[in-house]
N, C-alpha and C. Protein backbone atom coordinates (compact mmCIF):
# COMPACT_ATOMS: atom_id res chain seq x y z
N MET A 1 -103.14 50.87 122.64
CA MET A 1 -105.44 50.98 123.65
C MET A 1 -105.73 49.85 123.84
N PRO A 2 -105.62 49.50 125.00
CA PRO A 2 -106.03 48.28 124.90
C PRO A 2 -107.70 48.01 124.67
N ALA A 3 -108.12 47.00 124.58
CA ALA A 3 -109.83 46.60 124.15
C ALA A 3 -110.59 47.32 124.61
N ALA A 4 -112.09 47.29 124.48
CA ALA A 4 -113.63 47.60 125.57
C ALA A 4 -112.78 47.11 126.31
N ALA A 5 -113.56 47.53 127.48
CA ALA A 5 -113.69 46.59 128.75
C ALA A 5 -114.98 47.15 129.90
N GLN A 6 -115.94 46.79 130.17
CA GLN A 6 -115.82 47.49 131.64
C GLN A 6 -115.46 48.60 132.14
N HIS A 7 -116.82 48.88 132.88
CA HIS A 7 -115.62 50.38 133.94
C HIS A 7 -116.46 50.57 134.78
N THR A 8 -115.69 50.91 135.94
CA THR A 8 -116.41 51.44 137.57
C THR A 8 -115.36 51.86 138.15
N ARG A 9 -116.03 52.92 138.73
CA ARG A 9 -115.55 53.90 139.44
C ARG A 9 -116.18 53.57 141.07
N ALA A 10 -116.21 52.59 141.16
CA ALA A 10 -116.30 51.43 142.39
C ALA A 10 -114.84 51.18 142.96
N ALA A 11 -114.61 51.72 144.38
CA ALA A 11 -112.69 50.95 144.72
C ALA A 11 -112.62 49.71 145.44
N THR A 12 -112.24 48.99 143.40
CA THR A 12 -112.17 47.51 143.18
C THR A 12 -111.33 47.41 143.91
N PRO A 13 -110.51 46.25 143.90
CA PRO A 13 -109.61 45.52 144.89
C PRO A 13 -108.49 45.96 144.40
N ILE A 14 -108.28 45.95 143.00
CA ILE A 14 -107.44 46.55 142.14
C ILE A 14 -106.54 48.01 142.62
N ILE A 15 -107.71 48.41 142.52
CA ILE A 15 -107.43 49.95 142.94
C ILE A 15 -107.33 50.35 144.82
N GLN A 16 -107.05 49.16 145.56
CA GLN A 16 -107.39 49.08 146.58
C GLN A 16 -105.72 49.01 146.41
N LEU A 17 -105.54 47.88 146.26
CA LEU A 17 -104.22 47.22 146.20
C LEU A 17 -102.94 48.52 145.81
N VAL A 18 -103.60 49.18 144.62
CA VAL A 18 -103.00 50.79 144.05
C VAL A 18 -102.39 51.44 145.10
N VAL A 19 -103.57 51.30 145.29
CA VAL A 19 -103.80 52.50 146.23
C VAL A 19 -102.71 51.95 148.01
N ALA A 20 -102.97 50.62 148.23
CA ALA A 20 -102.04 50.77 149.34
C ALA A 20 -100.76 50.36 149.14
N ARG A 21 -100.61 49.99 148.09
CA ARG A 21 -98.66 49.39 147.66
C ARG A 21 -97.96 51.10 147.63
N ASN A 22 -98.53 52.66 146.53
CA ASN A 22 -98.05 52.86 146.84
C ASN A 22 -96.17 53.66 147.02
N ASP A 23 -95.94 52.35 146.40
CA ASP A 23 -94.44 52.57 146.89
C ASP A 23 -93.69 53.71 147.35
N PRO A 24 -92.86 54.11 148.27
CA PRO A 24 -91.75 54.80 148.03
C PRO A 24 -90.77 55.16 147.06
N PRO A 25 -90.26 56.99 146.97
CA PRO A 25 -89.16 56.63 145.95
C PRO A 25 -87.73 56.21 147.13
N PRO A 26 -86.82 55.52 146.04
CA PRO A 26 -85.96 54.92 146.37
C PRO A 26 -84.68 55.74 147.93
N ARG A 27 -84.26 56.06 148.57
CA ARG A 27 -83.85 56.00 149.62
C ARG A 27 -82.73 57.31 148.88
N GLN A 28 -81.83 55.92 147.98
CA GLN A 28 -80.35 55.71 147.68
C GLN A 28 -80.87 55.97 146.48
N TYR A 29 -80.16 56.33 145.23
CA TYR A 29 -79.63 56.02 143.75
C TYR A 29 -78.63 56.59 142.47
N ARG A 30 -77.87 55.84 142.36
CA ARG A 30 -76.71 56.10 141.52
C ARG A 30 -77.33 55.60 140.00
N ALA A 31 -77.98 56.22 138.39
CA ALA A 31 -77.84 55.95 137.65
C ALA A 31 -77.68 57.02 136.32
N LEU A 32 -76.60 56.01 135.71
CA LEU A 32 -76.15 56.87 134.20
C LEU A 32 -78.28 56.59 133.25
N ARG A 33 -78.68 58.56 133.09
CA ARG A 33 -79.17 58.83 131.97
C ARG A 33 -78.86 59.30 130.56
N ARG A 34 -80.08 59.05 130.10
CA ARG A 34 -79.60 59.56 128.38
C ARG A 34 -80.76 60.63 128.13
N LEU A 35 -80.66 61.35 127.69
CA LEU A 35 -81.66 62.17 127.61
C LEU A 35 -81.82 62.49 126.12
N GLU A 36 -82.60 62.49 125.45
CA GLU A 36 -82.49 62.96 124.06
C GLU A 36 -84.26 63.86 123.55
N ALA A 37 -84.28 64.99 122.45
CA ALA A 37 -85.06 66.02 122.47
C ALA A 37 -84.68 66.48 121.22
N GLN A 38 -85.94 66.68 120.35
CA GLN A 38 -86.07 66.79 119.48
C GLN A 38 -86.68 68.24 119.06
N SER A 39 -87.00 70.02 118.03
CA SER A 39 -88.10 70.55 117.62
C SER A 39 -88.03 70.11 116.50
N ASP A 40 -89.32 70.25 115.80
CA ASP A 40 -89.66 69.98 114.53
C ASP A 40 -89.44 71.14 114.30
N LYS A 41 -89.06 72.63 114.32
CA LYS A 41 -88.82 73.26 113.73
C LYS A 41 -87.19 74.62 114.84
N LEU A 42 -87.35 74.14 115.60
CA LEU A 42 -86.06 75.11 116.53
C LEU A 42 -84.93 73.89 116.22
N GLY A 43 -83.69 74.59 115.91
CA GLY A 43 -82.40 73.74 116.09
C GLY A 43 -82.06 71.88 116.62
N GLY A 44 -83.19 71.31 115.78
CA GLY A 44 -82.98 70.17 115.10
C GLY A 44 -83.00 69.49 117.20
N SER A 45 -82.31 68.22 116.59
CA SER A 45 -82.46 67.33 117.88
C SER A 45 -80.25 67.45 118.58
N ALA A 46 -81.07 66.51 119.75
CA ALA A 46 -79.36 66.81 120.95
C ALA A 46 -79.78 65.65 122.34
N TRP A 47 -78.52 65.35 122.46
CA TRP A 47 -78.88 64.88 123.93
C TRP A 47 -77.69 64.81 125.00
N ILE A 48 -77.90 64.23 125.63
CA ILE A 48 -76.92 64.49 126.40
C ILE A 48 -76.59 63.00 128.07
N GLU A 49 -76.42 62.73 128.48
CA GLU A 49 -75.97 61.96 129.37
C GLU A 49 -75.63 62.62 130.44
N ALA A 50 -76.05 61.72 131.90
CA ALA A 50 -75.51 62.88 132.76
C ALA A 50 -75.27 61.53 134.59
N TRP A 51 -74.67 61.11 135.38
CA TRP A 51 -74.79 60.98 135.67
C TRP A 51 -75.40 61.32 137.23
N THR A 52 -76.62 60.64 137.57
CA THR A 52 -77.83 61.31 138.10
C THR A 52 -77.29 60.35 140.12
N GLU A 53 -77.89 61.06 140.81
CA GLU A 53 -77.23 60.81 142.34
C GLU A 53 -78.75 61.04 143.18
N VAL A 54 -78.80 60.15 144.32
CA VAL A 54 -80.26 60.87 144.80
C VAL A 54 -79.82 60.16 146.01
N ASP A 55 -79.41 60.95 147.82
CA ASP A 55 -79.53 60.31 148.43
C ASP A 55 -80.06 61.63 149.83
N PRO A 56 -80.41 61.08 151.01
CA PRO A 56 -80.79 61.60 152.11
C PRO A 56 -79.68 62.91 152.53
N ALA A 57 -78.70 62.35 152.66
CA ALA A 57 -77.87 63.54 152.62
C ALA A 57 -78.00 65.01 151.75
N GLY A 58 -77.61 64.63 150.90
CA GLY A 58 -77.57 65.07 149.56
C GLY A 58 -78.39 65.97 148.46
N GLY A 59 -78.94 64.69 148.57
CA GLY A 59 -80.56 65.47 148.18
C GLY A 59 -80.40 64.90 146.47
N PHE A 60 -80.98 65.59 145.10
CA PHE A 60 -80.39 65.24 144.02
C PHE A 60 -79.04 65.67 143.68
N ARG A 61 -78.18 65.29 143.06
CA ARG A 61 -77.22 66.04 141.94
C ARG A 61 -77.62 65.44 141.18
N TYR A 62 -75.98 66.12 140.03
CA TYR A 62 -76.40 65.63 138.54
C TYR A 62 -74.80 65.67 137.93
N GLN A 63 -74.21 64.76 136.98
CA GLN A 63 -73.33 65.46 136.41
C GLN A 63 -72.70 65.00 134.89
N ILE A 64 -73.44 66.15 134.45
CA ILE A 64 -73.29 65.83 133.02
C ILE A 64 -71.86 65.27 132.15
N ILE A 65 -71.55 64.29 131.35
CA ILE A 65 -70.56 63.64 130.96
C ILE A 65 -70.50 63.57 129.83
N GLY A 66 -71.84 63.84 128.64
CA GLY A 66 -71.71 63.47 127.29
C GLY A 66 -72.36 64.63 127.24
N GLU A 67 -72.35 65.38 125.32
CA GLU A 67 -73.54 66.00 125.46
C GLU A 67 -73.59 66.18 123.89
N GLY A 68 -74.87 66.57 122.72
CA GLY A 68 -73.97 66.62 122.04
C GLY A 68 -75.53 67.08 120.98
N GLY A 69 -74.54 67.58 119.87
CA GLY A 69 -76.67 67.88 118.97
C GLY A 69 -76.38 68.89 118.79
N SER A 70 -77.58 70.10 118.89
CA SER A 70 -78.15 71.05 119.24
C SER A 70 -78.06 72.36 120.41
N GLY A 71 -77.03 72.86 120.00
CA GLY A 71 -76.49 73.74 121.25
C GLY A 71 -78.14 74.39 122.37
N PHE A 72 -78.82 74.49 121.49
CA PHE A 72 -79.99 75.43 121.61
C PHE A 72 -81.13 75.03 122.54
N VAL A 73 -81.28 73.41 121.75
CA VAL A 73 -82.36 72.34 122.74
C VAL A 73 -81.09 71.75 123.44
N ARG A 74 -80.78 72.17 123.57
CA ARG A 74 -79.90 71.12 125.11
C ARG A 74 -79.63 73.00 126.73
N ALA A 75 -79.83 74.06 125.71
CA ALA A 75 -79.66 74.81 126.80
C ALA A 75 -81.13 74.96 127.27
N ARG A 76 -82.11 74.57 126.14
CA ARG A 76 -83.80 74.49 126.50
C ARG A 76 -84.56 73.90 127.02
N VAL A 77 -83.71 73.11 126.90
CA VAL A 77 -84.82 71.44 127.72
C VAL A 77 -83.86 70.05 127.82
N LEU A 78 -82.96 70.13 127.44
CA LEU A 78 -82.21 68.94 128.49
C LEU A 78 -81.76 69.40 130.39
N ARG A 79 -81.47 70.65 129.65
CA ARG A 79 -79.97 70.87 131.08
C ARG A 79 -81.11 71.13 131.54
N PRO A 80 -82.10 72.34 131.03
CA PRO A 80 -83.43 72.20 132.47
C PRO A 80 -83.97 71.22 132.85
N TRP A 81 -84.04 70.46 132.10
CA TRP A 81 -85.24 69.00 132.71
C TRP A 81 -83.70 68.27 134.11
N LEU A 82 -82.82 68.25 134.45
CA LEU A 82 -81.92 67.90 135.28
C LEU A 82 -82.00 69.05 136.72
N ALA A 83 -82.34 70.48 135.94
CA ALA A 83 -82.20 71.12 136.65
C ALA A 83 -83.92 71.87 137.27
N SER A 84 -84.99 71.00 136.90
CA SER A 84 -86.09 71.16 137.64
C SER A 84 -86.31 69.48 138.27
N GLU A 85 -85.69 68.61 137.69
CA GLU A 85 -86.02 67.75 138.88
C GLU A 85 -84.92 68.36 140.36
N LYS A 86 -83.87 68.67 139.97
CA LYS A 86 -83.09 69.21 141.38
C LYS A 86 -83.26 70.21 142.50
N LYS A 87 -84.08 70.83 141.63
CA LYS A 87 -85.41 71.73 142.40
C LYS A 87 -86.55 70.62 143.05
N MET A 88 -86.95 70.09 142.34
CA MET A 88 -88.64 69.26 143.06
C MET A 88 -87.97 68.62 143.91
N TRP A 89 -86.89 67.71 144.10
CA TRP A 89 -86.61 67.63 145.32
C TRP A 89 -85.98 68.00 146.74
N ALA A 90 -84.80 69.08 145.65
CA ALA A 90 -86.02 69.94 147.52
C ALA A 90 -86.86 70.08 147.51
N ASP A 91 -87.64 71.01 147.17
CA ASP A 91 -89.19 70.81 147.51
C ASP A 91 -89.69 70.08 148.36
N GLY A 92 -89.05 69.23 148.29
CA GLY A 92 -90.03 67.78 148.73
C GLY A 92 -91.19 67.61 147.68
N ASP A 93 -90.44 67.43 146.30
CA ASP A 93 -92.11 67.56 145.72
C ASP A 93 -92.29 66.27 144.81
N PRO A 94 -91.91 64.95 144.82
CA PRO A 94 -92.26 63.63 144.88
C PRO A 94 -93.28 62.62 145.28
N GLU A 95 -93.49 63.42 146.36
CA GLU A 95 -94.60 62.83 146.99
C GLU A 95 -96.29 63.04 146.16
N ARG A 96 -96.21 64.78 145.49
CA ARG A 96 -96.95 64.92 145.35
C ARG A 96 -98.01 64.41 144.42
N ALA A 97 -96.76 62.88 142.89
CA ALA A 97 -98.21 62.45 141.90
C ALA A 97 -98.48 60.91 142.73
N SER A 98 -97.58 61.26 143.33
CA SER A 98 -98.05 59.65 144.61
C SER A 98 -100.04 58.96 143.99
N PHE A 99 -99.92 58.40 143.75
CA PHE A 99 -101.53 57.39 143.32
C PHE A 99 -101.66 56.81 144.53
N THR A 100 -102.71 58.62 145.00
CA THR A 100 -103.25 58.42 146.08
C THR A 100 -104.44 58.65 145.82
N HIS A 101 -105.32 58.81 147.02
CA HIS A 101 -106.84 58.94 146.73
C HIS A 101 -106.89 60.44 146.77
N GLU A 102 -106.02 61.31 147.53
CA GLU A 102 -106.09 62.76 147.10
C GLU A 102 -105.81 63.38 146.70
N ASN A 103 -104.58 63.01 145.36
CA ASN A 103 -104.22 63.05 144.17
C ASN A 103 -105.18 62.98 142.84
N TYR A 104 -105.95 61.65 142.90
CA TYR A 104 -106.55 60.95 141.52
C TYR A 104 -108.14 60.22 142.15
N ALA A 105 -108.85 60.72 141.08
CA ALA A 105 -110.21 59.63 140.70
C ALA A 105 -109.57 58.07 140.22
N PHE A 106 -109.94 57.40 140.64
CA PHE A 106 -109.93 55.95 139.77
C PHE A 106 -110.53 55.58 139.36
N ASP A 107 -110.96 54.99 137.82
CA ASP A 107 -111.62 53.94 137.47
C ASP A 107 -110.79 52.46 136.38
N ASP A 108 -111.98 51.59 137.27
CA ASP A 108 -110.99 50.39 137.04
C ASP A 108 -111.93 50.03 136.43
N ARG A 109 -110.79 49.72 134.62
CA ARG A 109 -111.30 49.64 133.50
C ARG A 109 -110.67 47.76 132.17
N GLY A 110 -110.15 47.31 133.94
CA GLY A 110 -110.80 45.19 133.93
C GLY A 110 -109.21 45.65 132.95
N ARG A 111 -108.39 44.75 132.10
CA ARG A 111 -107.60 44.32 131.94
C ARG A 111 -107.66 44.31 130.68
N THR A 112 -105.85 43.97 129.82
CA THR A 112 -105.40 44.40 129.05
C THR A 112 -105.32 42.81 128.17
N PRO A 113 -105.21 43.11 126.93
CA PRO A 113 -104.42 41.87 126.13
C PRO A 113 -103.30 40.82 126.58
N ASP A 114 -103.29 41.73 127.51
CA ASP A 114 -101.16 40.81 128.52
C ASP A 114 -101.43 40.99 129.14
N GLY A 115 -102.48 40.90 129.63
CA GLY A 115 -102.94 40.18 131.37
C GLY A 115 -102.40 41.42 132.35
N LEU A 116 -102.73 42.82 132.13
CA LEU A 116 -102.15 43.95 133.43
C LEU A 116 -103.33 44.84 133.62
N ALA A 117 -104.13 45.10 134.21
CA ALA A 117 -104.95 45.82 134.67
C ALA A 117 -104.84 47.48 134.20
N TRP A 118 -105.79 47.64 134.36
CA TRP A 118 -105.56 48.99 133.54
C TRP A 118 -106.99 49.75 134.17
N LEU A 119 -106.25 51.08 134.19
CA LEU A 119 -106.88 52.18 135.77
C LEU A 119 -106.89 53.03 134.94
N GLY A 120 -107.80 53.65 134.41
CA GLY A 120 -108.48 55.10 134.08
C GLY A 120 -107.98 55.71 134.81
N VAL A 121 -107.35 57.25 135.08
CA VAL A 121 -106.74 58.44 136.37
C VAL A 121 -107.21 59.85 136.14
N GLN A 122 -107.95 60.27 137.19
CA GLN A 122 -108.26 61.56 136.75
C GLN A 122 -107.19 62.54 137.97
N SER A 123 -107.06 63.52 137.68
CA SER A 123 -106.82 64.74 137.82
C SER A 123 -107.13 65.38 139.99
N ARG A 124 -107.06 65.53 140.68
CA ARG A 124 -107.81 66.36 141.15
C ARG A 124 -107.60 67.57 141.90
N ARG A 125 -106.29 67.76 141.09
CA ARG A 125 -106.10 69.43 140.41
C ARG A 125 -104.96 69.50 139.17
N LYS A 126 -104.56 70.67 139.26
CA LYS A 126 -104.33 71.18 138.65
C LYS A 126 -102.75 71.10 138.62
N ASP A 127 -101.82 69.92 138.20
CA ASP A 127 -100.60 70.10 139.05
C ASP A 127 -99.54 69.81 138.03
N VAL A 128 -98.16 70.60 137.32
CA VAL A 128 -97.27 69.44 136.65
C VAL A 128 -96.94 67.94 136.67
N LEU A 129 -96.84 67.43 137.85
CA LEU A 129 -96.95 66.13 138.29
C LEU A 129 -98.19 65.14 137.71
N LEU A 130 -98.90 65.54 138.11
CA LEU A 130 -100.30 64.87 137.79
C LEU A 130 -100.46 64.80 136.01
N VAL A 131 -101.04 63.18 135.65
CA VAL A 131 -100.97 62.80 134.42
C VAL A 131 -102.79 62.21 134.85
N ASP A 132 -103.84 63.16 133.93
CA ASP A 132 -104.50 62.77 132.99
C ASP A 132 -104.38 61.61 132.40
N GLY A 133 -105.01 60.62 132.51
CA GLY A 133 -104.94 58.80 131.31
C GLY A 133 -105.36 58.03 131.89
N SER A 134 -104.26 56.37 132.17
CA SER A 134 -104.33 55.85 132.35
C SER A 134 -102.76 55.16 132.99
N ILE A 135 -102.94 53.94 134.39
CA ILE A 135 -101.83 53.41 133.94
C ILE A 135 -101.97 51.86 134.18
N TYR A 136 -100.65 51.48 133.47
CA TYR A 136 -101.19 49.70 133.72
C TYR A 136 -100.49 49.05 134.65
N VAL A 137 -101.26 48.79 135.09
CA VAL A 137 -100.46 47.42 136.76
C VAL A 137 -100.42 45.80 136.77
N ASN A 138 -99.38 45.20 137.13
CA ASN A 138 -98.97 44.17 137.65
C ASN A 138 -100.80 43.56 138.60
N ALA A 139 -102.14 42.54 137.41
CA ALA A 139 -102.37 42.00 138.79
C ALA A 139 -102.24 41.99 139.91
N ASP A 140 -101.48 40.78 140.17
CA ASP A 140 -101.43 40.51 141.53
C ASP A 140 -100.95 40.46 142.47
N ASP A 141 -100.32 42.27 141.85
CA ASP A 141 -99.28 42.76 143.22
C ASP A 141 -99.50 44.51 143.23
N GLY A 142 -100.45 44.88 141.95
CA GLY A 142 -100.47 46.13 142.37
C GLY A 142 -99.16 47.06 141.75
N ASP A 143 -97.74 46.52 141.09
CA ASP A 143 -97.19 47.25 140.84
C ASP A 143 -97.20 47.73 139.58
N ILE A 144 -96.99 49.84 139.04
CA ILE A 144 -97.54 50.26 138.23
C ILE A 144 -96.05 49.65 137.42
N VAL A 145 -96.41 49.25 135.96
CA VAL A 145 -95.93 48.98 134.60
C VAL A 145 -95.34 50.72 133.63
N ARG A 146 -96.28 50.75 134.06
CA ARG A 146 -96.68 52.03 132.80
C ARG A 146 -97.69 52.66 132.74
N ILE A 147 -97.70 54.01 133.10
CA ILE A 147 -98.65 55.69 132.85
C ILE A 147 -98.54 56.11 131.55
N GLU A 148 -99.31 56.88 131.16
CA GLU A 148 -100.05 57.15 130.14
C GLU A 148 -100.68 58.43 129.52
N GLY A 149 -100.86 59.39 129.61
CA GLY A 149 -101.86 60.48 129.51
C GLY A 149 -101.13 61.21 129.40
N ARG A 150 -102.33 62.54 129.62
CA ARG A 150 -101.49 63.75 129.39
C ARG A 150 -101.49 64.61 130.74
N LEU A 151 -100.66 65.45 131.05
CA LEU A 151 -100.05 66.58 132.01
C LEU A 151 -101.40 67.04 132.54
N SER A 152 -101.97 67.17 133.55
CA SER A 152 -102.18 67.71 134.03
C SER A 152 -103.22 69.19 134.27
N LYS A 153 -101.35 69.65 133.68
CA LYS A 153 -100.86 71.39 133.89
C LYS A 153 -99.89 71.11 132.92
N THR A 154 -99.66 71.97 132.09
CA THR A 154 -98.32 72.74 131.47
C THR A 154 -97.28 73.02 131.85
N PRO A 155 -96.10 73.42 131.84
CA PRO A 155 -95.75 73.54 132.40
C PRO A 155 -95.35 74.67 132.70
N SER A 156 -95.58 75.75 130.89
CA SER A 156 -95.09 76.49 130.88
C SER A 156 -96.33 77.37 129.67
N PHE A 157 -96.52 79.10 129.60
CA PHE A 157 -98.05 79.34 128.61
C PHE A 157 -97.18 78.73 127.45
N TRP A 158 -96.15 78.32 126.69
CA TRP A 158 -96.21 78.04 126.13
C TRP A 158 -96.12 77.16 125.64
N THR A 159 -96.36 76.46 126.16
CA THR A 159 -96.77 74.73 125.78
C THR A 159 -98.03 74.49 126.01
N ARG A 160 -98.77 74.08 125.14
CA ARG A 160 -100.53 73.94 125.16
C ARG A 160 -100.72 72.61 125.64
N ARG A 161 -100.09 71.32 125.03
CA ARG A 161 -100.36 70.47 125.33
C ARG A 161 -98.90 69.08 125.88
N VAL A 162 -98.66 68.63 126.79
CA VAL A 162 -97.49 67.71 126.74
C VAL A 162 -97.77 65.96 126.97
N GLU A 163 -98.42 64.76 126.10
CA GLU A 163 -98.83 63.90 125.94
C GLU A 163 -97.12 62.94 126.99
N VAL A 164 -97.28 62.14 128.19
CA VAL A 164 -95.66 61.60 128.70
C VAL A 164 -96.64 59.82 128.65
N VAL A 165 -94.87 59.11 128.75
CA VAL A 165 -95.64 57.68 129.13
C VAL A 165 -94.42 57.38 129.23
N ARG A 166 -94.31 56.75 131.24
CA ARG A 166 -93.76 56.46 132.07
C ARG A 166 -93.51 54.92 131.84
N HIS A 167 -92.07 54.49 131.78
CA HIS A 167 -92.33 53.48 132.10
C HIS A 167 -91.78 52.82 133.62
N TYR A 168 -91.88 51.44 134.33
CA TYR A 168 -91.22 51.70 135.85
C TYR A 168 -90.95 49.24 135.49
N SER A 169 -90.24 49.46 136.13
CA SER A 169 -89.39 48.45 136.98
C SER A 169 -89.27 48.10 137.87
N ARG A 170 -89.11 46.52 138.90
CA ARG A 170 -88.94 47.02 140.27
C ARG A 170 -87.57 46.30 139.98
N ILE A 171 -86.42 46.47 140.57
CA ILE A 171 -84.89 46.12 140.02
C ILE A 171 -84.48 45.94 142.03
N ASN A 172 -83.93 44.73 141.70
CA ASN A 172 -83.27 44.57 143.27
C ASN A 172 -84.77 44.92 144.62
N GLY A 173 -86.10 44.90 144.12
CA GLY A 173 -86.74 44.94 145.23
C GLY A 173 -87.82 46.46 145.39
N VAL A 174 -87.37 47.16 144.16
CA VAL A 174 -86.95 48.61 144.11
C VAL A 174 -87.97 49.27 143.26
N HIS A 175 -88.94 49.25 143.49
CA HIS A 175 -89.71 50.03 141.94
C HIS A 175 -89.03 51.06 141.34
N VAL A 176 -89.26 51.63 140.85
CA VAL A 176 -87.84 52.63 139.53
C VAL A 176 -88.59 52.71 138.97
N PRO A 177 -88.61 54.14 138.23
CA PRO A 177 -88.62 54.68 136.18
C PRO A 177 -87.49 54.27 136.38
N VAL A 178 -87.46 53.36 134.23
CA VAL A 178 -86.82 53.33 133.49
C VAL A 178 -86.85 53.31 132.57
N ALA A 179 -88.39 54.65 132.07
CA ALA A 179 -88.10 55.19 130.81
C ALA A 179 -88.64 56.48 130.79
N ILE A 180 -88.78 57.26 130.56
CA ILE A 180 -90.26 58.44 130.00
C ILE A 180 -89.74 58.70 129.14
N GLU A 181 -90.75 58.91 127.93
CA GLU A 181 -91.17 60.23 127.39
C GLU A 181 -92.41 61.05 127.17
N SER A 182 -91.85 61.67 125.64
CA SER A 182 -92.79 63.22 126.18
C SER A 182 -93.51 63.72 124.89
N VAL A 183 -93.97 63.63 123.89
CA VAL A 183 -94.50 64.11 122.75
C VAL A 183 -95.45 66.11 122.99
N ALA A 184 -94.75 67.01 123.04
CA ALA A 184 -94.98 68.82 123.69
C ALA A 184 -95.57 69.38 122.80
N GLN A 185 -96.67 70.26 123.30
CA GLN A 185 -96.64 70.54 120.96
C GLN A 185 -96.68 72.73 121.46
N VAL A 186 -95.90 73.17 121.47
CA VAL A 186 -95.20 73.91 122.01
C VAL A 186 -94.78 75.72 121.03
N LEU A 187 -95.69 76.46 121.18
CA LEU A 187 -96.15 77.79 120.40
C LEU A 187 -94.80 78.05 119.77
N ILE A 188 -94.53 78.25 118.85
CA ILE A 188 -93.53 78.84 117.68
C ILE A 188 -92.59 77.45 117.69
N ALA A 189 -92.36 76.87 118.18
CA ALA A 189 -91.33 75.44 118.07
C ALA A 189 -92.02 74.01 117.41
N GLY A 190 -93.42 74.18 118.30
CA GLY A 190 -93.71 73.25 117.32
C GLY A 190 -94.03 71.55 118.03
N ARG A 191 -94.08 70.98 117.04
CA ARG A 191 -94.43 70.11 117.96
C ARG A 191 -92.96 69.64 118.30
N SER A 192 -93.05 69.02 119.95
CA SER A 192 -91.25 68.55 119.92
C SER A 192 -91.04 67.09 121.81
N THR A 193 -90.35 66.33 120.82
CA THR A 193 -90.05 65.35 121.80
C THR A 193 -89.45 64.09 122.17
N PHE A 194 -88.96 64.35 123.70
CA PHE A 194 -88.25 64.18 124.94
C PHE A 194 -88.31 62.70 125.38
N LYS A 195 -86.89 61.98 125.56
CA LYS A 195 -87.32 60.60 125.88
C LYS A 195 -85.36 60.78 126.74
N MET A 196 -85.89 59.87 128.00
CA MET A 196 -84.36 60.13 129.22
C MET A 196 -85.11 58.44 129.52
N THR A 197 -83.49 57.92 129.49
CA THR A 197 -83.97 56.35 130.16
C THR A 197 -82.63 56.60 131.13
N TYR A 198 -82.70 55.16 131.94
CA TYR A 198 -82.18 55.50 133.58
C TYR A 198 -81.52 54.27 133.01
N SER A 199 -80.28 53.54 133.93
CA SER A 199 -79.17 53.18 134.09
C SER A 199 -78.84 52.70 135.34
N TYR A 200 -79.05 51.84 136.29
CA TYR A 200 -79.07 51.93 136.92
C TYR A 200 -77.59 51.83 137.74
N GLU A 201 -76.86 51.60 139.04
CA GLU A 201 -74.99 51.61 139.05
C GLU A 201 -75.63 50.85 140.27
N THR A 202 -76.61 51.55 141.35
CA THR A 202 -76.85 51.31 142.61
C THR A 202 -78.10 51.90 143.28
N ILE A 203 -79.31 50.88 144.06
CA ILE A 203 -80.27 51.39 144.05
C ILE A 203 -79.90 51.39 145.78
N ASN A 204 -80.19 51.97 146.72
CA ASN A 204 -80.71 51.90 148.13
C ASN A 204 -79.21 51.12 148.90
N GLY A 205 -78.50 51.62 148.21
CA GLY A 205 -76.85 51.13 148.51
C GLY A 205 -76.65 49.93 148.13
N GLN A 206 -77.58 49.15 146.82
CA GLN A 206 -76.68 47.80 146.60
C GLN A 206 -76.94 48.16 145.12
N ARG A 207 -75.15 47.39 144.48
CA ARG A 207 -75.06 47.42 143.43
C ARG A 207 -75.45 46.44 142.57
N VAL A 208 -76.80 47.46 141.15
CA VAL A 208 -77.61 46.38 140.33
C VAL A 208 -77.05 46.45 139.87
N GLY A 209 -75.59 47.29 139.26
CA GLY A 209 -75.09 47.21 137.31
C GLY A 209 -74.49 48.05 137.09
N ASN A 210 -73.94 48.04 136.02
CA ASN A 210 -72.64 48.42 135.59
C ASN A 210 -73.01 50.01 133.73
N PRO A 211 -73.22 50.51 134.46
CA PRO A 211 -73.49 51.47 133.23
C PRO A 211 -72.47 51.79 132.44
N GLN A 212 -72.81 51.92 131.12
CA GLN A 212 -71.55 52.40 129.84
C GLN A 212 -72.34 53.50 129.71
N LEU A 213 -70.86 54.16 129.11
CA LEU A 213 -71.52 55.31 128.58
C LEU A 213 -71.62 55.61 126.94
N LYS A 214 -73.09 55.43 125.99
CA LYS A 214 -73.90 55.49 125.16
C LYS A 214 -72.93 56.09 123.87
N SER A 215 -73.19 55.27 122.97
CA SER A 215 -72.73 56.11 121.21
C SER A 215 -73.31 57.68 121.67
N SER A 216 -72.34 58.87 120.53
CA SER A 216 -72.87 59.71 120.62
C SER A 216 -73.78 60.40 120.18
N HIS A 217 -74.37 59.43 119.58
CA HIS A 217 -75.92 59.14 118.26
C HIS A 217 -77.34 59.23 119.64
N PRO A 218 -78.22 59.64 118.57
CA PRO A 218 -79.51 59.94 119.64
C PRO A 218 -80.22 58.10 118.93
């Protein structure tokens, strides 16, 4: 957590920069993803590796190429995550998560010790794609580096609280997610953790990497 700072809800230059920037998701990408999950009470841990692709013609597609660990966790957590992302793209939902004044109230909280601008964000509606918490951005260009907070709406009755951290980077000029971590408090299942990492092969038609299947162990 950054050190204490002066807060202001005025539309400061950094808030204006973040809202104006508001990069759209890439038109096309192919990435190898690794998903890992663990439940304190149910089924232990599991992992899945999958090729994921997005393009205007086909939307979001995925192919699982490796998996291991608890079959219960894979069936109830990891596979549904990929299926829900496919539905989100089909419904055109990624824009619902944009950092705009329609979606969020912003609070300029100054700078972190490592020089990032720190903005508090409060969602303007209950939505599983919106977060109540903080975003950390490059002060010079408004690029989002990290998002931390609680989902403003839990994804189900059984989930009482979901804390998330999302990491971003700019690859070949395109702003993309590189990792997502979450901790959820779930009725019966207790504390459950989730992590997903992205290794990009192509972005907007340009080759940017050569992802390789990782070890079978989380």
